[in-house]
Amino acid sequence: MPDDDPGGSRRLVEAVGIVWRDGQRPVNGRHRFAGTVDLMATPYADENLRQEFGDKVSTVPFTAAVDDQGRLVEFVIALDTLAPQLGTVRAAWSDFGSQTNPRRPASSQPAGDVPGLLRALED
């Protein structure tokens, strides 16, 4: 993933095929959108996905919301349209511009296999 898009959200948004505004007025300060996303155009898919679910992977429904400043704050993909057991996937963003204070865990705290996780996310 690029350094400026570590979660791959930009590529996800670029995979949107059709989008329309869901309603004219904001709800709770958010404008809602709906449409379809082509999972094959995302970093999360491969040919095995197409073999398993067919062409449906190119038109998976999604909903999204932007805040009153036009920033993407929610993106929900309805994977259950491919298979009920897949459910939905939701990504949310908030606290734009907030200061963070990350701290290194104490040496006695297991941090997990961070390098392994990063390798898995890149594959």
C-alpha atoms as a PDB file:
ATOM      1  CA  MET A   1       0.000   0.000   0.000  1.00  0.00           C
ATOM      2  CA  PRO A   2       1.213   3.529  -0.632  1.00  0.00           C
ATOM      3  CA  ASP A   3       2.497   5.436   2.403  1.00  0.00           C
ATOM      4  CA  ASP A   4      -0.236   8.061   2.004  1.00  0.00           C
ATOM      5  CA  ASP A   5      -3.017   5.421   1.840  1.00  0.00           C
ATOM      6  CA  PRO A   6      -2.046   2.670   4.292  1.00  0.00           C
ATOM      7  CA  GLY A   7      -5.530   1.177   4.514  1.00  0.00           C
ATOM      8  CA  GLY A   8      -6.081   1.128   0.771  1.00  0.00           C
ATOM      9  CA  SER A   9      -9.176   3.329   0.982  1.00  0.00           C
ATOM     10  CA  ARG A  10      -8.192   5.367  -2.072  1.00  0.00           C
ATOM     11  CA  ARG A  11      -8.079   2.232  -4.244  1.00  0.00           C
ATOM     12  CA  LEU A  12     -11.410   1.158  -2.819  1.00  0.00           C
ATOM     13  CA  VAL A  13     -13.029   4.467  -3.738  1.00  0.00           C
ATOM     14  CA  GLU A  14     -11.424   4.330  -7.187  1.00  0.00           C
ATOM     15  CA  ALA A  15     -13.103   0.925  -7.687  1.00  0.00           C
ATOM     16  CA  VAL A  16     -16.582   2.488  -7.414  1.00  0.00           C
ATOM     17  CA  GLY A  17     -18.524   1.826 -10.588  1.00  0.00           C
ATOM     18  CA  ILE A  18     -21.861   3.568 -10.075  1.00  0.00           C
ATOM     19  CA  VAL A  19     -22.771   6.036  -7.348  1.00  0.00           C
ATOM     20  CA  TRP A  20     -25.828   8.131  -6.557  1.00  0.00           C
ATOM     21  CA  ARG A  21     -26.824  10.444  -3.741  1.00  0.00           C
ATOM     22  CA  ASP A  22     -29.208   8.808  -1.320  1.00  0.00           C
ATOM     23  CA  GLY A  23     -31.600  11.636  -0.491  1.00  0.00           C
ATOM     24  CA  GLN A  24     -31.246  15.385  -0.918  1.00  0.00           C
ATOM     25  CA  ARG A  25     -30.756  16.510   2.666  1.00  0.00           C
ATOM     26  CA  PRO A  26     -28.034  15.539   5.093  1.00  0.00           C
ATOM     27  CA  VAL A  27     -28.957  13.278   8.014  1.00  0.00           C
ATOM     28  CA  ASN A  28     -27.046  14.009  11.216  1.00  0.00           C
ATOM     29  CA  GLY A  29     -24.724  16.273   9.229  1.00  0.00           C
ATOM     30  CA  ARG A  30     -23.913  13.535   6.715  1.00  0.00           C
ATOM     31  CA  HIS A  31     -24.710  13.191   3.047  1.00  0.00           C
ATOM     32  CA  ARG A  32     -25.438   9.570   2.132  1.00  0.00           C
ATOM     33  CA  PHE A  33     -24.489   7.810  -1.100  1.00  0.00           C
ATOM     34  CA  ALA A  34     -25.069   4.350  -2.537  1.00  0.00           C
ATOM     35  CA  GLY A  35     -23.799   2.441  -5.525  1.00  0.00           C
ATOM     36  CA  THR A  36     -21.692  -0.491  -6.628  1.00  0.00           C
ATOM     37  CA  VAL A  37     -18.015  -1.288  -6.283  1.00  0.00           C
ATOM     38  CA  ASP A  38     -15.898  -3.578  -8.472  1.00  0.00           C
ATOM     39  CA  LEU A  39     -14.032  -5.731  -5.965  1.00  0.00           C
ATOM     40  CA  MET A  40     -11.708  -6.946  -8.725  1.00  0.00           C
ATOM     41  CA  ALA A  41     -10.317  -3.385  -8.936  1.00  0.00           C
ATOM     42  CA  THR A  42      -9.371  -3.390  -5.245  1.00  0.00           C
ATOM     43  CA  PRO A  43      -6.191  -4.667  -3.620  1.00  0.00           C
ATOM     44  CA  TYR A  44      -8.292  -7.225  -1.730  1.00  0.00           C
ATOM     45  CA  ALA A  45      -9.350  -9.440  -4.651  1.00  0.00           C
ATOM     46  CA  ASP A  46      -7.806 -12.003  -6.944  1.00  0.00           C
ATOM     47  CA  GLU A  47      -9.044 -14.385  -9.647  1.00  0.00           C
ATOM     48  CA  ASN A  48     -10.065 -16.912  -6.991  1.00  0.00           C
ATOM     49  CA  LEU A  49     -12.747 -14.457  -5.887  1.00  0.00           C
ATOM     50  CA  ARG A  50     -14.124 -14.204  -9.431  1.00  0.00           C
ATOM     51  CA  GLN A  51     -14.032 -17.979  -9.827  1.00  0.00           C
ATOM     52  CA  GLU A  52     -15.977 -18.449  -6.614  1.00  0.00           C
ATOM     53  CA  PHE A  53     -18.608 -15.714  -7.067  1.00  0.00           C
ATOM     54  CA  GLY A  54     -18.599 -14.967 -10.796  1.00  0.00           C
ATOM     55  CA  ASP A  55     -19.264 -11.568 -12.303  1.00  0.00           C
ATOM     56  CA  LYS A  56     -21.209 -10.451  -9.202  1.00  0.00           C
ATOM     57  CA  VAL A  57     -17.857  -9.334  -7.744  1.00  0.00           C
ATOM     58  CA  SER A  58     -17.854  -6.426 -10.212  1.00  0.00           C
ATOM     59  CA  THR A  59     -21.129  -4.935  -8.943  1.00  0.00           C
ATOM     60  CA  VAL A  60     -21.202  -5.302  -5.158  1.00  0.00           C
ATOM     61  CA  PRO A  61     -23.521  -2.784  -3.446  1.00  0.00           C
ATOM     62  CA  PHE A  62     -22.101  -0.207  -1.054  1.00  0.00           C
ATOM     63  CA  THR A  63     -23.262   2.773   0.966  1.00  0.00           C
ATOM     64  CA  ALA A  64     -21.102   5.701   1.989  1.00  0.00           C
ATOM     65  CA  ALA A  65     -21.328   8.940   3.915  1.00  0.00           C
ATOM     66  CA  VAL A  66     -19.444  12.211   3.769  1.00  0.00           C
ATOM     67  CA  ASP A  67     -19.449  14.839   6.482  1.00  0.00           C
ATOM     68  CA  ASP A  68     -20.426  18.495   6.084  1.00  0.00           C
ATOM     69  CA  GLN A  69     -16.905  19.237   4.794  1.00  0.00           C
ATOM     70  CA  GLY A  70     -17.092  16.564   2.076  1.00  0.00           C
ATOM     71  CA  ARG A  71     -14.744  14.095   3.820  1.00  0.00           C
ATOM     72  CA  LEU A  72     -15.467  10.392   3.507  1.00  0.00           C
ATOM     73  CA  VAL A  73     -16.491   9.215   6.979  1.00  0.00           C
ATOM     74  CA  GLU A  74     -18.063   5.815   6.276  1.00  0.00           C
ATOM     75  CA  PHE A  75     -17.916   3.136   3.579  1.00  0.00           C
ATOM     76  CA  VAL A  76     -19.962  -0.076   3.909  1.00  0.00           C
ATOM     77  CA  ILE A  77     -19.713  -2.937   1.404  1.00  0.00           C
ATOM     78  CA  ALA A  78     -22.541  -5.499   1.286  1.00  0.00           C
ATOM     79  CA  LEU A  79     -20.482  -8.661   0.809  1.00  0.00           C
ATOM     80  CA  ASP A  80     -23.528 -10.644   1.918  1.00  0.00           C
ATOM     81  CA  THR A  81     -24.849 -10.148  -1.624  1.00  0.00           C
ATOM     82  CA  LEU A  82     -22.099 -12.556  -2.715  1.00  0.00           C
ATOM     83  CA  ALA A  83     -22.684 -15.022   0.133  1.00  0.00           C
ATOM     84  CA  PRO A  84     -24.736 -14.457   3.311  1.00  0.00           C
ATOM     85  CA  GLN A  85     -21.939 -15.662   5.594  1.00  0.00           C
ATOM     86  CA  LEU A  86     -19.663 -12.836   4.379  1.00  0.00           C
ATOM     87  CA  GLY A  87     -21.822 -10.139   5.996  1.00  0.00           C
ATOM     88  CA  THR A  88     -20.894  -6.496   5.518  1.00  0.00           C
ATOM     89  CA  VAL A  89     -17.573  -4.686   5.799  1.00  0.00           C
ATOM     90  CA  ARG A  90     -17.562  -1.226   7.343  1.00  0.00           C
ATOM     91  CA  ALA A  91     -14.761   1.322   7.412  1.00  0.00           C
ATOM     92  CA  ALA A  92     -15.180   4.586   9.306  1.00  0.00           C
ATOM     93  CA  TRP A  93     -13.010   7.667   9.679  1.00  0.00           C
ATOM     94  CA  SER A  94     -13.279  10.381  12.324  1.00  0.00           C
ATOM     95  CA  ASP A  95     -11.348  12.855  14.449  1.00  0.00           C
ATOM     96  CA  PHE A  96      -9.738  14.532  11.432  1.00  0.00           C
ATOM     97  CA  GLY A  97      -6.823  16.715  12.484  1.00  0.00           C
ATOM     98  CA  SER A  98      -6.795  15.416  16.064  1.00  0.00           C
ATOM     99  CA  GLN A  99      -3.480  15.080  17.797  1.00  0.00           C
ATOM    100  CA  THR A 100      -2.345  11.546  18.504  1.00  0.00           C
ATOM    101  CA  ASN A 101       0.037  10.313  21.144  1.00  0.00           C
ATOM    102  CA  PRO A 102       1.235   6.843  20.125  1.00  0.00           C
ATOM    103  CA  ARG A 103       3.406   5.078  22.655  1.00  0.00           C
ATOM    104  CA  ARG A 104       5.726   2.137  22.243  1.00  0.00           C
ATOM    105  CA  PRO A 105       4.519  -0.834  24.319  1.00  0.00           C
ATOM    106  CA  ALA A 106       6.632  -1.802  27.307  1.00  0.00           C
ATOM    107  CA  SER A 107       9.050  -4.609  26.510  1.00  0.00           C
ATOM    108  CA  SER A 108       7.003  -6.936  28.706  1.00  0.00           C
ATOM    109  CA  GLN A 109       3.886  -6.383  26.565  1.00  0.00           C
ATOM    110  CA  PRO A 110       3.659  -8.650  23.528  1.00  0.00           C
ATOM    111  CA  ALA A 111       3.129  -6.537  20.441  1.00  0.00           C
ATOM    112  CA  GLY A 112       2.251  -9.475  18.195  1.00  0.00           C
ATOM    113  CA  ASP A 113       3.738 -10.277  14.826  1.00  0.00           C
ATOM    114  CA  VAL A 114       3.596  -6.758  13.381  1.00  0.00           C
ATOM    115  CA  PRO A 115       6.034  -7.483  10.511  1.00  0.00           C
ATOM    116  CA  GLY A 116       4.007 -10.576   9.591  1.00  0.00           C
ATOM    117  CA  LEU A 117       0.772  -8.587   9.673  1.00  0.00           C
ATOM    118  CA  LEU A 118       2.246  -5.888   7.444  1.00  0.00           C
ATOM    119  CA  ARG A 119       3.452  -8.524   4.959  1.00  0.00           C
ATOM    120  CA  ALA A 120      -0.024 -10.089   4.897  1.00  0.00           C
ATOM    121  CA  LEU A 121      -1.650  -6.708   4.218  1.00  0.00           C
ATOM    122  CA  GLU A 122       0.709  -6.062   1.304  1.00  0.00           C
ATOM    123  CA  ASP A 123      -0.050  -9.427  -0.344  1.00  0.00           C
END
